[in-house]
């Protein structure tokens, strides 16, 4: 395996991890374009503590954003109990 192949493999792996992290944590890295969950300003809001949260529902979600939004709010409800 050449250095180029190792580099490409590593970049694909790291990019996948970053996309998963971005879907689970909206706007940890603001103003950066993502492929899977590209959270825009209409999808999230900022609370009094400065943390970003996705709105409970949105019209223009793709499959991955919708799933991430559902998981996020289910986890929030479980944390309150």
N, C-alpha and C. Protein backbone atom coordinates (compact mmCIF):
# COMPACT_ATOMS: atom_id res chain seq x y z
N UNK A 1 0.85 -1.17 0.00
CA UNK A 1 0.00 0.00 0.00
C UNK A 1 0.89 1.24 0.00
N UNK A 2 0.63 2.11 -0.92
CA UNK A 2 1.46 3.30 -1.02
C UNK A 2 0.99 4.37 -0.04
N UNK A 3 1.80 5.40 0.07
CA UNK A 3 1.48 6.51 0.96
C UNK A 3 0.19 7.20 0.49
N UNK A 4 0.01 7.32 -0.80
CA UNK A 4 -1.19 7.93 -1.34
C UNK A 4 -2.45 7.16 -0.93
N UNK A 5 -2.39 5.84 -1.05
CA UNK A 5 -3.54 5.01 -0.65
C UNK A 5 -3.83 5.14 0.84
N UNK A 6 -2.80 5.19 1.63
CA UNK A 6 -2.98 5.35 3.08
C UNK A 6 -3.59 6.71 3.39
N UNK A 7 -3.12 7.73 2.71
CA UNK A 7 -3.64 9.08 2.90
C UNK A 7 -5.12 9.15 2.54
N UNK A 8 -5.50 8.61 1.40
CA UNK A 8 -6.91 8.62 0.96
C UNK A 8 -7.78 7.84 1.94
N UNK A 9 -7.32 6.69 2.39
CA UNK A 9 -8.07 5.89 3.34
C UNK A 9 -8.27 6.64 4.65
N UNK A 10 -7.24 7.27 5.14
CA UNK A 10 -7.32 8.03 6.37
C UNK A 10 -8.27 9.22 6.22
N UNK A 11 -8.20 9.94 5.09
CA UNK A 11 -9.07 11.09 4.87
C UNK A 11 -10.54 10.67 4.78
N UNK A 12 -10.82 9.57 4.13
CA UNK A 12 -12.21 9.09 4.04
C UNK A 12 -12.72 8.72 5.43
N UNK A 13 -11.90 8.05 6.21
CA UNK A 13 -12.29 7.66 7.57
C UNK A 13 -12.53 8.90 8.44
N UNK A 14 -11.59 9.84 8.43
CA UNK A 14 -11.73 11.03 9.26
C UNK A 14 -12.90 11.91 8.83
N UNK A 15 -13.13 12.00 7.54
CA UNK A 15 -14.27 12.78 7.06
C UNK A 15 -15.58 12.14 7.50
N UNK A 16 -15.65 10.84 7.49
CA UNK A 16 -16.86 10.13 7.94
C UNK A 16 -17.11 10.39 9.42
N UNK A 17 -16.07 10.32 10.22
CA UNK A 17 -16.20 10.58 11.65
C UNK A 17 -16.66 12.02 11.89
N UNK A 18 -16.10 12.96 11.15
CA UNK A 18 -16.48 14.37 11.30
C UNK A 18 -17.95 14.59 10.90
N UNK A 19 -18.41 13.93 9.84
CA UNK A 19 -19.81 14.06 9.43
C UNK A 19 -20.75 13.50 10.51
N UNK A 20 -20.40 12.36 11.09
CA UNK A 20 -21.22 11.78 12.15
C UNK A 20 -21.25 12.71 13.35
N UNK A 21 -20.12 13.26 13.72
CA UNK A 21 -20.04 14.18 14.86
C UNK A 21 -20.89 15.43 14.59
N UNK A 22 -20.83 15.95 13.39
CA UNK A 22 -21.61 17.13 13.04
C UNK A 22 -23.10 16.85 13.10
N UNK A 23 -23.55 15.69 12.67
CA UNK A 23 -24.98 15.36 12.73
C UNK A 23 -25.45 15.26 14.18
N UNK A 24 -24.62 14.74 15.04
CA UNK A 24 -25.00 14.58 16.45
C UNK A 24 -24.88 15.87 17.24
N UNK A 25 -24.03 16.77 16.83
CA UNK A 25 -23.78 18.03 17.55
C UNK A 25 -23.86 19.19 16.58
N UNK A 26 -25.06 19.71 16.34
CA UNK A 26 -25.18 20.78 15.35
C UNK A 26 -24.39 22.02 15.73
N UNK A 27 -23.72 22.53 14.76
CA UNK A 27 -22.96 23.79 14.86
C UNK A 27 -21.84 23.78 15.88
N UNK A 28 -21.20 22.65 16.07
CA UNK A 28 -19.96 22.66 16.84
C UNK A 28 -18.89 23.38 16.05
N UNK A 29 -18.99 23.28 14.72
CA UNK A 29 -18.05 23.95 13.83
C UNK A 29 -18.84 24.85 12.89
N UNK A 30 -19.18 26.07 13.33
CA UNK A 30 -20.04 26.93 12.51
C UNK A 30 -19.38 27.37 11.20
N UNK A 31 -20.22 27.65 10.25
CA UNK A 31 -19.83 28.17 8.93
C UNK A 31 -18.89 27.25 8.17
N UNK A 32 -19.09 25.95 8.37
CA UNK A 32 -18.32 24.98 7.62
C UNK A 32 -19.32 24.11 6.86
N UNK A 33 -19.09 23.88 5.59
CA UNK A 33 -20.02 23.10 4.78
C UNK A 33 -19.81 21.62 5.00
N UNK A 34 -20.91 20.93 5.23
CA UNK A 34 -20.88 19.49 5.39
C UNK A 34 -21.75 18.87 4.31
N UNK A 35 -21.55 17.61 4.05
CA UNK A 35 -22.30 16.93 3.00
C UNK A 35 -23.57 16.31 3.55
N UNK A 36 -23.49 15.61 4.65
CA UNK A 36 -24.62 14.85 5.17
C UNK A 36 -25.58 15.75 5.94
N UNK A 37 -25.14 16.35 7.01
CA UNK A 37 -25.98 17.24 7.82
C UNK A 37 -25.42 18.65 7.73
N UNK A 38 -25.91 19.38 6.78
CA UNK A 38 -25.47 20.76 6.61
C UNK A 38 -26.46 21.66 7.33
N UNK A 39 -26.27 21.83 8.65
CA UNK A 39 -27.19 22.63 9.45
C UNK A 39 -27.04 24.10 9.05
N UNK A 40 -28.14 24.74 8.69
CA UNK A 40 -28.08 26.16 8.39
C UNK A 40 -28.79 26.94 9.50
N UNK A 41 -28.84 28.25 9.36
CA UNK A 41 -29.37 29.10 10.43
C UNK A 41 -30.85 28.86 10.69
N UNK A 42 -31.59 28.37 9.71
CA UNK A 42 -33.02 28.09 9.90
C UNK A 42 -33.26 26.78 10.65
N UNK A 43 -32.25 25.95 10.77
CA UNK A 43 -32.39 24.64 11.41
C UNK A 43 -32.06 24.64 12.89
N UNK A 44 -31.36 25.65 13.37
CA UNK A 44 -30.86 25.64 14.75
C UNK A 44 -31.13 26.96 15.44
N UNK A 45 -31.06 26.93 16.75
CA UNK A 45 -31.15 28.17 17.53
C UNK A 45 -30.12 28.12 18.64
N UNK A 46 -29.81 29.29 19.18
CA UNK A 46 -28.80 29.42 20.22
C UNK A 46 -29.52 29.74 21.54
N UNK A 47 -29.23 28.96 22.60
CA UNK A 47 -29.89 29.21 23.88
C UNK A 47 -29.13 30.27 24.68
N UNK A 48 -29.61 30.52 25.89
CA UNK A 48 -29.00 31.56 26.73
C UNK A 48 -27.58 31.23 27.16
N UNK A 49 -27.22 29.95 27.15
CA UNK A 49 -25.87 29.52 27.53
C UNK A 49 -24.90 29.54 26.36
N UNK A 50 -25.39 29.86 25.17
CA UNK A 50 -24.53 29.91 24.00
C UNK A 50 -24.42 28.59 23.27
N UNK A 51 -25.22 27.59 23.66
CA UNK A 51 -25.20 26.29 22.97
C UNK A 51 -26.22 26.30 21.84
N UNK A 52 -25.89 25.57 20.78
CA UNK A 52 -26.78 25.46 19.63
C UNK A 52 -27.62 24.20 19.76
N UNK A 53 -28.89 24.31 19.38
CA UNK A 53 -29.82 23.18 19.40
C UNK A 53 -30.63 23.20 18.11
N UNK A 54 -30.92 22.04 17.55
CA UNK A 54 -31.79 22.03 16.38
C UNK A 54 -33.24 22.23 16.81
N UNK A 55 -34.02 22.87 15.95
CA UNK A 55 -35.44 22.97 16.21
C UNK A 55 -36.04 21.57 16.19
N UNK A 56 -37.12 21.33 16.91
CA UNK A 56 -37.72 19.99 16.93
C UNK A 56 -38.15 19.47 15.56
N UNK A 57 -38.61 20.35 14.68
CA UNK A 57 -39.03 19.93 13.34
C UNK A 57 -38.59 20.95 12.31
N UNK A 58 -38.39 20.46 11.09
CA UNK A 58 -38.05 21.35 9.97
C UNK A 58 -38.58 20.74 8.68
N UNK A 59 -38.88 21.59 7.73
CA UNK A 59 -39.46 21.16 6.46
C UNK A 59 -38.41 20.59 5.50
N UNK A 60 -37.24 21.17 5.46
CA UNK A 60 -36.27 20.87 4.40
C UNK A 60 -35.19 19.88 4.80
N UNK A 61 -35.45 19.05 5.80
CA UNK A 61 -34.44 18.09 6.24
C UNK A 61 -34.27 16.96 5.24
N UNK A 62 -33.02 16.55 5.07
CA UNK A 62 -32.80 15.31 4.35
C UNK A 62 -32.94 14.16 5.36
N UNK A 63 -32.77 12.94 4.91
CA UNK A 63 -32.96 11.77 5.77
C UNK A 63 -32.05 11.83 7.00
N UNK A 64 -30.80 12.17 6.81
CA UNK A 64 -29.83 12.14 7.91
C UNK A 64 -30.09 13.25 8.92
N UNK A 65 -30.43 14.44 8.44
CA UNK A 65 -30.76 15.53 9.36
C UNK A 65 -32.01 15.19 10.18
N UNK A 66 -33.01 14.62 9.54
CA UNK A 66 -34.24 14.24 10.24
C UNK A 66 -33.95 13.22 11.34
N UNK A 67 -33.15 12.20 11.02
CA UNK A 67 -32.79 11.18 12.01
C UNK A 67 -31.97 11.78 13.15
N UNK A 68 -31.04 12.67 12.82
CA UNK A 68 -30.22 13.31 13.85
C UNK A 68 -31.07 14.18 14.76
N UNK A 69 -32.02 14.88 14.18
CA UNK A 69 -32.91 15.74 14.95
C UNK A 69 -33.77 14.91 15.91
N UNK A 70 -34.32 13.80 15.43
CA UNK A 70 -35.14 12.92 16.27
C UNK A 70 -34.32 12.34 17.41
N UNK A 71 -33.12 11.85 17.11
CA UNK A 71 -32.25 11.29 18.15
C UNK A 71 -31.86 12.34 19.18
N UNK A 72 -31.58 13.55 18.72
CA UNK A 72 -31.18 14.64 19.61
C UNK A 72 -32.28 14.92 20.62
N UNK A 73 -33.51 15.06 20.15
CA UNK A 73 -34.60 15.42 21.06
C UNK A 73 -35.03 14.24 21.93
N UNK A 74 -34.89 13.01 21.45
CA UNK A 74 -35.17 11.85 22.30
C UNK A 74 -34.17 11.79 23.43
N UNK A 75 -32.92 12.06 23.14
CA UNK A 75 -31.88 12.05 24.18
C UNK A 75 -32.13 13.17 25.19
N UNK A 76 -32.55 14.34 24.71
CA UNK A 76 -32.84 15.47 25.61
C UNK A 76 -33.98 15.10 26.57
N UNK A 77 -35.01 14.44 26.06
CA UNK A 77 -36.15 14.05 26.91
C UNK A 77 -35.73 13.03 27.95
N UNK A 78 -34.86 12.09 27.56
CA UNK A 78 -34.39 11.08 28.51
C UNK A 78 -33.50 11.70 29.58
N UNK A 79 -32.72 12.69 29.20
CA UNK A 79 -31.85 13.36 30.17
C UNK A 79 -32.64 14.13 31.22
N UNK A 80 -33.82 14.63 30.87
CA UNK A 80 -34.65 15.37 31.80
C UNK A 80 -35.31 14.47 32.84
N UNK A 81 -35.50 13.21 32.48
CA UNK A 81 -36.18 12.27 33.41
C UNK A 81 -35.31 11.81 34.52
